[in-house]
PDB file of N, CA and C in Angstrom:
ATOM      1  N   MET A   1    -138.266  82.699  58.701  1.00  0.00           N
ATOM      2  CA  MET A   1    -138.698  81.639  59.522  1.00  0.00           C
ATOM      3  C   MET A   1    -138.924  82.034  61.010  1.00  0.00           C
ATOM      4  N   PRO A   2    -140.198  81.546  61.970  1.00  0.00           N
ATOM      5  CA  PRO A   2    -140.340  82.000  62.803  1.00  0.00           C
ATOM      6  C   PRO A   2    -139.435  82.003  63.473  1.00  0.00           C
ATOM      7  N   GLY A   3    -138.981  82.926  64.512  1.00  0.00           N
ATOM      8  CA  GLY A   3    -138.073  82.518  65.987  1.00  0.00           C
ATOM      9  C   GLY A   3    -136.482  83.375  65.344  1.00  0.00           C
ATOM     10  N   GLU A   4    -136.603  83.816  64.073  1.00  0.00           N
ATOM     11  CA  GLU A   4    -135.198  83.978  63.582  1.00  0.00           C
ATOM     12  C   GLU A   4    -135.340  85.441  64.109  1.00  0.00           C
ATOM     13  N   ALA A   5    -134.008  86.262  64.345  1.00  0.00           N
ATOM     14  CA  ALA A   5    -133.411  87.366  64.740  1.00  0.00           C
ATOM     15  C   ALA A   5    -134.046  88.032  63.304  1.00  0.00           C
ATOM     16  N   GLN A   6    -134.702  89.322  63.509  1.00  0.00           N
ATOM     17  CA  GLN A   6    -134.445  90.366  62.168  1.00  0.00           C
ATOM     18  C   GLN A   6    -133.501  90.617  61.882  1.00  0.00           C
ATOM     19  N   PRO A   7    -132.591  91.510  61.156  1.00  0.00           N
ATOM     20  CA  PRO A   7    -131.216  92.288  61.091  1.00  0.00           C
ATOM     21  C   PRO A   7    -131.559  93.313  61.530  1.00  0.00           C
ATOM     22  N   LYS A   8    -130.701  93.867  62.436  1.00  0.00           N
ATOM     23  CA  LYS A   8    -130.841  95.190  63.286  1.00  0.00           C
ATOM     24  C   LYS A   8    -131.606  96.112  62.496  1.00  0.00           C
ATOM     25  N   ALA A   9    -131.342  96.320  61.380  1.00  0.00           N
ATOM     26  CA  ALA A   9    -131.345  97.712  60.417  1.00  0.00           C
ATOM     27  C   ALA A   9    -133.176  97.557  60.176  1.00  0.00           C
ATOM     28  N   ASN A  10    -133.711  96.420  60.495  1.00  0.00           N
ATOM     29  CA  ASN A  10    -135.526  96.501  60.326  1.00  0.00           C
ATOM     30  C   ASN A  10    -136.127  96.581  61.809  1.00  0.00           C
ATOM     31  N   ARG A  11    -135.194  96.300  62.926  1.00  0.00           N
ATOM     32  CA  ARG A  11    -135.914  96.831  63.814  1.00  0.00           C
ATOM     33  C   ARG A  11    -135.062  98.259  65.151  1.00  0.00           C
ATOM     34  N   GLN A  12    -134.243  98.441  64.598  1.00  0.00           N
ATOM     35  CA  GLN A  12    -133.920  99.870  65.560  1.00  0.00           C
ATOM     36  C   GLN A  12    -134.026 101.271  63.752  1.00  0.00           C
ATOM     37  N   LEU A  13    -134.032 102.412  64.659  1.00  0.00           N
ATOM     38  CA  LEU A  13    -133.771 103.572  64.027  1.00  0.00           C
ATOM     39  C   LEU A  13    -132.597 104.138  64.238  1.00  0.00           C
ATOM     40  N   PRO A  14    -131.610 104.623  63.454  1.00  0.00           N
ATOM     41  CA  PRO A  14    -130.579 105.425  63.814  1.00  0.00           C
ATOM     42  C   PRO A  14    -130.785 106.074  65.458  1.00  0.00           C
ATOM     43  N   GLY A  15    -129.728 105.974  66.079  1.00  0.00           N
ATOM     44  CA  GLY A  15    -129.711 106.512  67.693  1.00  0.00           C
ATOM     45  C   GLY A  15    -130.514 106.033  68.538  1.00  0.00           C
ATOM     46  N   GLU A  16    -130.969 104.755  67.906  1.00  0.00           N
ATOM     47  CA  GLU A  16    -131.642 103.974  69.231  1.00  0.00           C
ATOM     48  C   GLU A  16    -130.768 102.968  70.157  1.00  0.00           C
ATOM     49  N   VAL A  17    -131.345 102.349  70.967  1.00  0.00           N
ATOM     50  CA  VAL A  17    -130.599 101.164  71.575  1.00  0.00           C
ATOM     51  C   VAL A  17    -129.233 100.741  70.741  1.00  0.00           C
ATOM     52  N   GLN A  18    -128.182 101.019  71.249  1.00  0.00           N
ATOM     53  CA  GLN A  18    -127.246 100.533  70.320  1.00  0.00           C
ATOM     54  C   GLN A  18    -125.799  99.163  71.349  1.00  0.00           C
ATOM     55  N   PRO A  19    -126.111  98.054  70.258  1.00  0.00           N
ATOM     56  CA  PRO A  19    -125.084  96.984  71.253  1.00  0.00           C
ATOM     57  C   PRO A  19    -123.965  97.638  71.582  1.00  0.00           C
ATOM     58  N   THR A  20    -122.923  97.341  72.601  1.00  0.00           N
ATOM     59  CA  THR A  20    -121.180  97.634  73.220  1.00  0.00           C
ATOM     60  C   THR A  20    -120.655  97.500  71.517  1.00  0.00           C
ATOM     61  N   ALA A  21    -120.695  96.424  71.102  1.00  0.00           N
ATOM     62  CA  ALA A  21    -119.883  96.372  70.037  1.00  0.00           C
ATOM     63  C   ALA A  21    -120.441  96.094  68.641  1.00  0.00           C
ATOM     64  N   SER A  22    -120.052  96.395  67.490  1.00  0.00           N
ATOM     65  CA  SER A  22    -120.757  95.835  66.347  1.00  0.00           C
ATOM     66  C   SER A  22    -119.600  96.092  65.003  1.00  0.00           C
ATOM     67  N   ARG A  23    -120.528  96.289  63.916  1.00  0.00           N
ATOM     68  CA  ARG A  23    -119.595  96.264  62.648  1.00  0.00           C
ATOM     69  C   ARG A  23    -120.486  97.262  61.909  1.00  0.00           C
ATOM     70  N   ALA A  24    -119.535  97.788  61.013  1.00  0.00           N
ATOM     71  CA  ALA A  24    -120.167  98.699  60.000  1.00  0.00           C
ATOM     72  C   ALA A  24    -119.238  98.797  58.713  1.00  0.00           C
ATOM     73  N   TYR A  25    -119.674  98.569  57.357  1.00  0.00           N
ATOM     74  CA  TYR A  25    -119.065  98.707  56.329  1.00  0.00           C
ATOM     75  C   TYR A  25    -118.646  99.831  55.609  1.00  0.00           C
ATOM     76  N   ILE A  26    -117.203 100.040  55.235  1.00  0.00           N
ATOM     77  CA  ILE A  26    -117.015 101.072  54.572  1.00  0.00           C
ATOM     78  C   ILE A  26    -117.023 100.736  52.760  1.00  0.00           C
ATOM     79  N   GLU A  27    -117.880 101.238  52.227  1.00  0.00           N
ATOM     80  CA  GLU A  27    -117.519 100.655  50.634  1.00  0.00           C
ATOM     81  C   GLU A  27    -117.097 102.363  50.058  1.00  0.00           C
ATOM     82  N   VAL A  28    -115.540 101.738  49.380  1.00  0.00           N
ATOM     83  CA  VAL A  28    -114.739 103.081  49.082  1.00  0.00           C
ATOM     84  C   VAL A  28    -114.679 102.904  47.244  1.00  0.00           C
ATOM     85  N   THR A  29    -115.528 103.672  46.739  1.00  0.00           N
ATOM     86  CA  THR A  29    -115.994 103.674  45.583  1.00  0.00           C
ATOM     87  C   THR A  29    -115.427 104.712  44.166  1.00  0.00           C
ATOM     88  N   THR A  30    -115.125 104.096  43.100  1.00  0.00           N
ATOM     89  CA  THR A  30    -115.122 105.030  41.927  1.00  0.00           C
ATOM     90  C   THR A  30    -113.648 105.494  42.043  1.00  0.00           C
ATOM     91  N   TRP A  31    -113.166 106.419  42.032  1.00  0.00           N
ATOM     92  CA  TRP A  31    -111.723 107.487  41.965  1.00  0.00           C
ATOM     93  C   TRP A  31    -110.848 107.292  43.195  1.00  0.00           C
ATOM     94  N   VAL A  32    -112.016 107.302  44.434  1.00  0.00           N
ATOM     95  CA  VAL A  32    -111.887 107.386  45.724  1.00  0.00           C
ATOM     96  C   VAL A  32    -110.942 105.961  45.839  1.00  0.00           C
ATOM     97  N   THR A  33    -110.915 105.199  45.369  1.00  0.00           N
ATOM     98  CA  THR A  33    -110.625 103.958  45.744  1.00  0.00           C
ATOM     99  C   THR A  33    -108.855 103.970  45.922  1.00  0.00           C
ATOM    100  N   LYS A  34    -108.468 105.135  44.909  1.00  0.00           N
ATOM    101  CA  LYS A  34    -107.067 104.834  44.196  1.00  0.00           C
ATOM    102  C   LYS A  34    -106.484 105.716  45.819  1.00  0.00           C
ATOM    103  N   HIS A  35    -107.282 106.214  46.691  1.00  0.00           N
ATOM    104  CA  HIS A  35    -106.793 106.711  48.293  1.00  0.00           C
ATOM    105  C   HIS A  35    -106.853 105.516  49.291  1.00  0.00           C
ATOM    106  N   ALA A  36    -107.417 104.476  48.703  1.00  0.00           N
ATOM    107  CA  ALA A  36    -107.375 103.294  49.889  1.00  0.00           C
ATOM    108  C   ALA A  36    -107.101 102.014  49.131  1.00  0.00           C
ATOM    109  N   GLY A  37    -105.716 102.275  48.470  1.00  0.00           N
ATOM    110  CA  GLY A  37    -105.285 100.870  48.204  1.00  0.00           C
ATOM    111  C   GLY A  37    -105.868 100.331  46.844  1.00  0.00           C
ATOM    112  N   GLY A  38    -106.389 100.955  46.501  1.00  0.00           N
ATOM    113  CA  GLY A  38    -106.896 100.403  45.146  1.00  0.00           C
ATOM    114  C   GLY A  38    -106.334 101.230  43.457  1.00  0.00           C
ATOM    115  N   ASP A  39    -106.822 100.987  42.350  1.00  0.00           N
ATOM    116  CA  ASP A  39    -106.421 101.472  41.416  1.00  0.00           C
ATOM    117  C   ASP A  39    -107.347 102.686  40.635  1.00  0.00           C
ATOM    118  N   GLY A  40    -108.305 103.339  41.454  1.00  0.00           N
ATOM    119  CA  GLY A  40    -109.047 104.194  41.042  1.00  0.00           C
ATOM    120  C   GLY A  40    -110.093 103.634  40.546  1.00  0.00           C
ATOM    121  N   THR A  41    -110.622 102.765  40.356  1.00  0.00           N
ATOM    122  CA  THR A  41    -111.828 101.971  39.597  1.00  0.00           C
ATOM    123  C   THR A  41    -112.653 101.010  40.564  1.00  0.00           C
ATOM    124  N   GLY A  42    -113.726 100.936  40.422  1.00  0.00           N
ATOM    125  CA  GLY A  42    -114.690  99.653  40.973  1.00  0.00           C
ATOM    126  C   GLY A  42    -114.430 100.452  42.646  1.00  0.00           C
ATOM    127  N   SER A  43    -114.466  99.225  43.488  1.00  0.00           N
ATOM    128  CA  SER A  43    -115.132  99.296  44.842  1.00  0.00           C
ATOM    129  C   SER A  43    -114.438  98.872  45.532  1.00  0.00           C
ATOM    130  N   LYS A  44    -113.942  98.833  46.774  1.00  0.00           N
ATOM    131  CA  LYS A  44    -113.358  98.182  48.147  1.00  0.00           C
ATOM    132  C   LYS A  44    -114.378  98.497  48.881  1.00  0.00           C
ATOM    133  N   LEU A  45    -114.299  97.084  49.580  1.00  0.00           N
ATOM    134  CA  LEU A  45    -115.431  97.107  51.238  1.00  0.00           C
ATOM    135  C   LEU A  45    -114.421  96.531  51.984  1.00  0.00           C
ATOM    136  N   PHE A  46    -114.804  97.430  53.338  1.00  0.00           N
ATOM    137  CA  PHE A  46    -113.623  97.309  54.395  1.00  0.00           C
ATOM    138  C   PHE A  46    -114.717  97.180  55.362  1.00  0.00           C
ATOM    139  N   ASP A  47    -114.308  96.226  56.181  1.00  0.00           N
ATOM    140  CA  ASP A  47    -115.576  95.806  57.571  1.00  0.00           C
ATOM    141  C   ASP A  47    -114.849  96.269  59.071  1.00  0.00           C
ATOM    142  N   GLU A  48    -115.447  97.440  59.282  1.00  0.00           N
ATOM    143  CA  GLU A  48    -115.141  98.020  60.112  1.00  0.00           C
ATOM    144  C   GLU A  48    -115.563  97.646  61.455  1.00  0.00           C
ATOM    145  N   PRO A  49    -115.047  97.807  62.499  1.00  0.00           N
ATOM    146  CA  PRO A  49    -115.758  97.938  64.517  1.00  0.00           C
ATOM    147  C   PRO A  49    -116.498  99.222  64.756  1.00  0.00           C
ATOM    148  N   ILE A  50    -117.402  99.064  65.152  1.00  0.00           N
ATOM    149  CA  ILE A  50    -117.892 100.075  65.659  1.00  0.00           C
ATOM    150  C   ILE A  50    -118.125  99.727  67.184  1.00  0.00           C
ATOM    151  N   GLU A  51    -118.081 101.151  67.960  1.00  0.00           N
ATOM    152  CA  GLU A  51    -118.411 101.145  69.463  1.00  0.00           C
ATOM    153  C   GLU A  51    -119.661 101.827  69.576  1.00  0.00           C
ATOM    154  N   ARG A  52    -120.031 101.509  71.157  1.00  0.00           N
ATOM    155  CA  ARG A  52    -120.866 102.678  71.753  1.00  0.00           C
ATOM    156  C   ARG A  52    -120.692 104.044  71.761  1.00  0.00           C
ATOM    157  N   GLY A  53    -121.339 104.711  71.102  1.00  0.00           N
ATOM    158  CA  GLY A  53    -121.059 106.219  70.632  1.00  0.00           C
ATOM    159  C   GLY A  53    -120.726 106.220  69.577  1.00  0.00           C
ATOM    160  N   ASP A  54    -120.385 105.838  68.683  1.00  0.00           N
ATOM    161  CA  ASP A  54    -119.554 105.648  67.503  1.00  0.00           C
ATOM    162  C   ASP A  54    -120.887 106.387  66.797  1.00  0.00           C
ATOM    163  N   THR A  55    -120.367 107.217  65.780  1.00  0.00           N
ATOM    164  CA  THR A  55    -121.299 107.870  64.491  1.00  0.00           C
ATOM    165  C   THR A  55    -120.785 108.150  63.251  1.00  0.00           C
ATOM    166  N   PRO A  56    -121.371 108.349  61.991  1.00  0.00           N
ATOM    167  CA  PRO A  56    -120.743 108.161  60.892  1.00  0.00           C
ATOM    168  C   PRO A  56    -119.240 109.308  60.782  1.00  0.00           C
ATOM    169  N   ARG A  57    -119.278 110.197  61.672  1.00  0.00           N
ATOM    170  CA  ARG A  57    -117.876 111.254  61.805  1.00  0.00           C
ATOM    171  C   ARG A  57    -116.937 110.347  62.388  1.00  0.00           C
ATOM    172  N   THR A  58    -117.271 109.938  63.613  1.00  0.00           N
ATOM    173  CA  THR A  58    -116.044 109.321  64.469  1.00  0.00           C
ATOM    174  C   THR A  58    -115.649 107.602  64.075  1.00  0.00           C
ATOM    175  N   LEU A  59    -116.414 107.046  63.143  1.00  0.00           N
ATOM    176  CA  LEU A  59    -116.125 106.144  62.243  1.00  0.00           C
ATOM    177  C   LEU A  59    -115.182 106.252  61.175  1.00  0.00           C
ATOM    178  N   LEU A  60    -115.445 107.087  60.301  1.00  0.00           N
ATOM    179  CA  LEU A  60    -114.637 107.898  59.019  1.00  0.00           C
ATOM    180  C   LEU A  60    -113.658 108.181  59.790  1.00  0.00           C
ATOM    181  N   ARG A  61    -113.358 109.079  60.615  1.00  0.00           N
ATOM    182  CA  ARG A  61    -112.281 109.790  60.781  1.00  0.00           C
ATOM    183  C   ARG A  61    -110.929 108.888  61.324  1.00  0.00           C
ATOM    184  N   ARG A  62    -111.391 107.559  62.280  1.00  0.00           N
ATOM    185  CA  ARG A  62    -110.530 106.491  62.840  1.00  0.00           C
ATOM    186  C   ARG A  62    -110.506 105.894  60.864  1.00  0.00           C
ATOM    187  N   PHE A  63    -111.249 105.597  60.239  1.00  0.00           N
ATOM    188  CA  PHE A  63    -110.808 104.548  59.086  1.00  0.00           C
ATOM    189  C   PHE A  63    -110.129 105.794  58.033  1.00  0.00           C
ATOM    190  N   THR A  64    -110.159 106.919  57.554  1.00  0.00           N
ATOM    191  CA  THR A  64    -109.488 108.224  57.232  1.00  0.00           C
ATOM    192  C   THR A  64    -108.047 107.985  57.957  1.00  0.00           C
ATOM    193  N   ALA A  65    -107.561 107.646  58.794  1.00  0.00           N
ATOM    194  CA  ALA A  65    -106.824 108.104  59.715  1.00  0.00           C
ATOM    195  C   ALA A  65    -105.280 106.999  59.672  1.00  0.00           C
ATOM    196  N   ARG A  66    -105.715 105.826  58.575  1.00  0.00           N
ATOM    197  CA  ARG A  66    -104.887 104.816  58.125  1.00  0.00           C
ATOM    198  C   ARG A  66    -104.891 105.230  56.925  1.00  0.00           C
ATOM    199  N   PHE A  67    -105.390 106.115  56.231  1.00  0.00           N
ATOM    200  CA  PHE A  67    -105.066 106.523  54.758  1.00  0.00           C
ATOM    201  C   PHE A  67    -105.135 107.640  54.248  1.00  0.00           C
ATOM    202  N   PRO A  68    -103.982 108.149  54.484  1.00  0.00           N
ATOM    203  CA  PRO A  68    -103.497 110.005  54.353  1.00  0.00           C
ATOM    204  C   PRO A  68    -103.980 110.711  53.484  1.00  0.00           C
ATOM    205  N   GLU A  69    -103.853 110.257  52.257  1.00  0.00           N
ATOM    206  CA  GLU A  69    -104.069 110.886  51.040  1.00  0.00           C
ATOM    207  C   GLU A  69    -105.740 111.140  51.267  1.00  0.00           C
ATOM    208  N   LEU A  70    -106.706 109.622  51.491  1.00  0.00           N
ATOM    209  CA  LEU A  70    -108.184 109.523  52.039  1.00  0.00           C
ATOM    210  C   LEU A  70    -108.493 110.526  52.952  1.00  0.00           C
ATOM    211  N   ASP A  71    -107.378 110.776  53.649  1.00  0.00           N
ATOM    212  CA  ASP A  71    -107.837 111.258  54.779  1.00  0.00           C
ATOM    213  C   ASP A  71    -107.952 112.888  54.325  1.00  0.00           C
ATOM    214  N   SER A  72    -106.843 113.396  53.530  1.00  0.00           N
ATOM    215  CA  SER A  72    -106.993 114.915  53.132  1.00  0.00           C
ATOM    216  C   SER A  72    -107.822 115.141  52.242  1.00  0.00           C
ATOM    217  N   ALA A  73    -108.480 114.063  51.393  1.00  0.00           N
ATOM    218  CA  ALA A  73    -109.553 114.259  50.437  1.00  0.00           C
ATOM    219  C   ALA A  73    -110.981 114.535  51.211  1.00  0.00           C
ATOM    220  N   LEU A  74    -111.321 113.802  52.037  1.00  0.00           N
ATOM    221  CA  LEU A  74    -112.312 113.352  52.601  1.00  0.00           C
ATOM    222  C   LEU A  74    -113.072 114.678  53.371  1.00  0.00           C
ATOM    223  N   TRP A  75    -112.118 115.327  54.365  1.00  0.00           N
ATOM    224  CA  TRP A  75    -112.119 116.297  55.130  1.00  0.00           C
ATOM    225  C   TRP A  75    -111.857 117.896  54.731  1.00  0.00           C
ATOM    226  N   SER A  76    -112.345 118.452  55.372  1.00  0.00           N
ATOM    227  CA  SER A  76    -111.560 120.001  55.425  1.00  0.00           C
ATOM    228  C   SER A  76    -110.521 120.771  55.706  1.00  0.00           C
ATOM    229  N   PRO A  77    -110.311 121.457  55.143  1.00  0.00           N
ATOM    230  CA  PRO A  77    -108.406 121.248  56.232  1.00  0.00           C
ATOM    231  C   PRO A  77    -108.390 121.411  57.558  1.00  0.00           C
ATOM    232  N   ASP A  78    -109.366 122.029  58.106  1.00  0.00           N
ATOM    233  CA  ASP A  78    -109.318 121.857  59.620  1.00  0.00           C
ATOM    234  C   ASP A  78    -109.678 120.644  59.954  1.00  0.00           C
ATOM    235  N   HIS A  79    -110.100 119.830  59.112  1.00  0.00           N
ATOM    236  CA  HIS A  79    -110.713 118.469  59.737  1.00  0.00           C
ATOM    237  C   HIS A  79    -111.860 118.386  60.155  1.00  0.00           C
ATOM    238  N   SER A  80    -112.612 119.480  60.522  1.00  0.00           N
ATOM    239  CA  SER A  80    -113.997 119.561  61.176  1.00  0.00           C
ATOM    240  C   SER A  80    -115.199 119.183  60.394  1.00  0.00           C
ATOM    241  N   GLU A  81    -114.906 119.003  58.783  1.00  0.00           N
ATOM    242  CA  GLU A  81    -116.004 119.209  58.398  1.00  0.00           C
ATOM    243  C   GLU A  81    -115.728 118.109  57.207  1.00  0.00           C
ATOM    244  N   LEU A  82    -116.678 117.543  56.456  1.00  0.00           N
ATOM    245  CA  LEU A  82    -116.170 117.298  54.892  1.00  0.00           C
ATOM    246  C   LEU A  82    -115.989 117.833  53.958  1.00  0.00           C
ATOM    247  N   GLY A  83    -115.441 117.646  52.786  1.00  0.00           N
ATOM    248  CA  GLY A  83    -114.680 118.377  52.180  1.00  0.00           C
ATOM    249  C   GLY A  83    -116.132 118.269  51.101  1.00  0.00           C
ATOM    250  N   SER A  84    -115.769 118.838  49.750  1.00  0.00           N
ATOM    251  CA  SER A  84    -116.577 118.776  48.946  1.00  0.00           C
ATOM    252  C   SER A  84    -116.051 117.919  47.650  1.00  0.00           C
ATOM    253  N   HIS A  85    -115.500 117.247  47.473  1.00  0.00           N
ATOM    254  CA  HIS A  85    -115.239 116.307  46.558  1.00  0.00           C
ATOM    255  C   HIS A  85    -115.603 114.882  46.850  1.00  0.00           C
ATOM    256  N   ILE A  86    -115.900 114.478  47.620  1.00  0.00           N
ATOM    257  CA  ILE A  86    -116.461 113.385  48.452  1.00  0.00           C
ATOM    258  C   ILE A  86    -117.914 113.073  48.982  1.00  0.00           C
ATOM    259  N   GLU A  87    -118.563 112.399  48.058  1.00  0.00           N
ATOM    260  CA  GLU A  87    -120.313 112.270  48.568  1.00  0.00           C
ATOM    261  C   GLU A  87    -120.496 111.035  49.553  1.00  0.00           C
ATOM    262  N   VAL A  88    -120.905 111.092  50.698  1.00  0.00           N
ATOM    263  CA  VAL A  88    -121.198 110.247  51.823  1.00  0.00           C
ATOM    264  C   VAL A  88    -122.356 109.798  52.137  1.00  0.00           C
ATOM    265  N   LEU A  89    -122.555 108.568  51.418  1.00  0.00           N
ATOM    266  CA  LEU A  89    -123.819 107.820  51.867  1.00  0.00           C
ATOM    267  C   LEU A  89    -123.796 106.912  53.230  1.00  0.00           C
ATOM    268  N   VAL A  90    -125.041 106.809  53.635  1.00  0.00           N
ATOM    269  CA  VAL A  90    -125.572 105.471  54.473  1.00  0.00           C
ATOM    270  C   VAL A  90    -126.172 105.259  54.537  1.00  0.00           C
ATOM    271  N   ASN A  91    -126.233 104.024  54.169  1.00  0.00           N
ATOM    272  CA  ASN A  91    -127.464 102.778  53.554  1.00  0.00           C
ATOM    273  C   ASN A  91    -127.828 103.142  52.489  1.00  0.00           C
ATOM    274  N   ASP A  92    -127.223 104.099  51.661  1.00  0.00           N
ATOM    275  CA  ASP A  92    -127.433 104.581  50.189  1.00  0.00           C
ATOM    276  C   ASP A  92    -128.385 105.570  50.348  1.00  0.00           C
ATOM    277  N   GLU A  93    -128.523 106.437  51.527  1.00  0.00           N
ATOM    278  CA  GLU A  93    -128.996 107.864  51.334  1.00  0.00           C
ATOM    279  C   GLU A  93    -128.025 108.673  51.696  1.00  0.00           C
ATOM    280  N   VAL A  94    -128.064 110.070  50.951  1.00  0.00           N
ATOM    281  CA  VAL A  94    -126.735 110.752  51.354  1.00  0.00           C
ATOM    282  C   VAL A  94    -127.215 111.267  52.732  1.00  0.00           C
ATOM    283  N   LEU A  95    -126.086 111.944  53.292  1.00  0.00           N
ATOM    284  CA  LEU A  95    -126.047 112.724  54.466  1.00  0.00           C
ATOM    285  C   LEU A  95    -127.410 113.791  54.626  1.00  0.00           C
ATOM    286  N   GLY A  96    -128.192 113.853  55.807  1.00  0.00           N
ATOM    287  CA  GLY A  96    -128.641 114.608  55.876  1.00  0.00           C
ATOM    288  C   GLY A  96    -130.235 114.322  55.752  1.00  0.00           C
ATOM    289  N   VAL A  97    -130.620 112.981  55.478  1.00  0.00           N
ATOM    290  CA  VAL A  97    -131.974 112.155  54.907  1.00  0.00           C
ATOM    291  C   VAL A  97    -131.954 111.479  56.415  1.00  0.00           C
ATOM    292  N   THR A  98    -131.660 110.592  56.713  1.00  0.00           N
ATOM    293  CA  THR A  98    -131.849 109.572  57.877  1.00  0.00           C
ATOM    294  C   THR A  98    -130.606 109.524  58.764  1.00  0.00           C
ATOM    295  N   TYR A  99    -129.664 109.938  57.812  1.00  0.00           N
ATOM    296  CA  TYR A  99    -128.279 110.174  58.794  1.00  0.00           C
ATOM    297  C   TYR A  99    -127.480 111.633  58.822  1.00  0.00           C
ATOM    298  N   GLU A 100    -126.991 111.781  59.786  1.00  0.00           N
ATOM    299  CA  GLU A 100    -126.011 113.269  59.897  1.00  0.00           C
ATOM    300  C   GLU A 100    -124.830 112.790  60.108  1.00  0.00           C
ATOM    301  N   LEU A 101    -124.202 113.345  60.042  1.00  0.00           N
ATOM    302  CA  LEU A 101    -122.241 112.930  60.748  1.00  0.00           C
ATOM    303  C   LEU A 101    -122.447 112.532  62.069  1.00  0.00           C
ATOM    304  N   ASP A 102    -123.176 112.978  62.925  1.00  0.00           N
ATOM    305  CA  ASP A 102    -123.316 113.096  64.501  1.00  0.00           C
ATOM    306  C   ASP A 102    -124.078 112.118  65.038  1.00  0.00           C
ATOM    307  N   THR A 103    -125.087 111.226  64.031  1.00  0.00           N
ATOM    308  CA  THR A 103    -126.203 110.312  64.544  1.00  0.00           C
ATOM    309  C   THR A 103    -125.321 109.098  64.707  1.00  0.00           C
ATOM    310  N   PRO A 104    -126.010 108.677  66.156  1.00  0.00           N
ATOM    311  CA  PRO A 104    -125.444 107.417  66.410  1.00  0.00           C
ATOM    312  C   PRO A 104    -125.168 106.364  65.554  1.00  0.00           C
ATOM    313  N   LEU A 105    -124.416 105.619  65.323  1.00  0.00           N
ATOM    314  CA  LEU A 105    -124.819 104.439  64.705  1.00  0.00           C
ATOM    315  C   LEU A 105    -125.466 103.155  65.122  1.00  0.00           C
ATOM    316  N   ILE A 106    -125.656 102.144  64.903  1.00  0.00           N
ATOM    317  CA  ILE A 106    -126.290 101.060  65.621  1.00  0.00           C
ATOM    318  C   ILE A 106    -126.025  99.579  65.000  1.00  0.00           C
ATOM    319  N   GLY A 107    -125.383  99.844  64.088  1.00  0.00           N
ATOM    320  CA  GLY A 107    -124.401  98.454  63.930  1.00  0.00           C
ATOM    321  C   GLY A 107    -125.413  97.910  62.209  1.00  0.00           C
ATOM    322  N   GLU A 108    -124.177  97.661  61.288  1.00  0.00           N
ATOM    323  CA  GLU A 108    -124.470  97.066  60.225  1.00  0.00           C
ATOM    324  C   GLU A 108    -125.029  97.847  59.461  1.00  0.00           C
ATOM    325  N   GLU A 109    -124.545  99.199  59.447  1.00  0.00           N
ATOM    326  CA  GLU A 109    -124.306 100.397  58.306  1.00  0.00           C
ATOM    327  C   GLU A 109    -123.735 100.109  57.586  1.00  0.00           C
ATOM    328  N   ARG A 110    -123.929 100.799  56.231  1.00  0.00           N
ATOM    329  CA  ARG A 110    -123.121 100.576  55.132  1.00  0.00           C
ATOM    330  C   ARG A 110    -123.024 101.794  54.521  1.00  0.00           C
ATOM    331  N   ILE A 111    -121.578 102.745  54.910  1.00  0.00           N
ATOM    332  CA  ILE A 111    -121.216 104.158  54.594  1.00  0.00           C
ATOM    333  C   ILE A 111    -120.329 103.821  52.962  1.00  0.00           C
ATOM    334  N   THR A 112    -120.733 104.678  52.084  1.00  0.00           N
ATOM    335  CA  THR A 112    -120.411 104.755  51.087  1.00  0.00           C
ATOM    336  C   THR A 112    -119.523 105.785  50.598  1.00  0.00           C
ATOM    337  N   LEU A 113    -118.760 105.765  50.366  1.00  0.00           N
ATOM    338  CA  LEU A 113    -117.473 106.971  49.952  1.00  0.00           C
ATOM    339  C   LEU A 113    -117.781 107.206  48.660  1.00  0.00           C
ATOM    340  N   LEU A 114    -118.138 108.044  47.949  1.00  0.00           N
ATOM    341  CA  LEU A 114    -118.526 107.640  46.601  1.00  0.00           C
ATOM    342  C   LEU A 114    -118.027 109.816  46.098  1.00  0.00           C
ATOM    343  N   GLY A 115    -117.021 109.278  44.900  1.00  0.00           N
ATOM    344  CA  GLY A 115    -116.046 110.517  44.033  1.00  0.00           C
ATOM    345  C   GLY A 115    -116.720 111.367  43.471  1.00  0.00           C
ATOM    346  N   GLN A 116    -117.413 112.524  43.828  1.00  0.00           N
ATOM    347  CA  GLN A 116    -117.720 113.132  42.713  1.00  0.00           C
ATOM    348  C   GLN A 116    -117.353 113.369  41.792  1.00  0.00           C
ATOM    349  N   PHE A 117    -118.438 113.583  40.256  1.00  0.00           N
ATOM    350  CA  PHE A 117    -117.574 113.952  39.181  1.00  0.00           C
ATOM    351  C   PHE A 117    -118.088 115.190  38.898  1.00  0.00           C
ATOM    352  N   MET A 118    -117.269 115.811  38.157  1.00  0.00           N
ATOM    353  CA  MET A 118    -117.828 117.327  37.202  1.00  0.00           C
ATOM    354  C   MET A 118    -117.384 117.040  36.029  1.00  0.00           C
ATOM    355  N   GLY A 119    -118.299 117.502  35.257  1.00  0.00           N
ATOM    356  CA  GLY A 119    -118.459 117.410  33.678  1.00  0.00           C
ATOM    357  C   GLY A 119    -119.080 118.975  33.075  1.00  0.00           C
ATOM    358  N   GLY A 120    -118.715 118.844  31.270  1.00  0.00           N
ATOM    359  CA  GLY A 120    -118.962 119.999  31.302  1.00  0.00           C
ATOM    360  C   GLY A 120    -120.074 119.495  30.027  1.00  0.00           C
TER     361      GLY A 120
END
């Protein structure tokens, strides 16, 4: 409809002007849910506040601090980098495409924590 505001994701690129406060959504899926209050199946969605300067790294560090088992599973032992068992997607893209861990968030992003599967 004319005059309606477009969603932020359609108007801004990562790292552009950011509101003072906004929201992002963290989806925890597959076996990873067991580390965030789930049963290891399906998905859980968390609505998280973001502030100016937040990045996927800062948001995920705050989020996983509430879930010690998830914190241990997601981060390397020194907590400086991501571990190797959980894939992080931002707006359905793996890190390194449009977003990096330190790309400023603009609001309304969906960050997915997807457990990697191994098989033979």
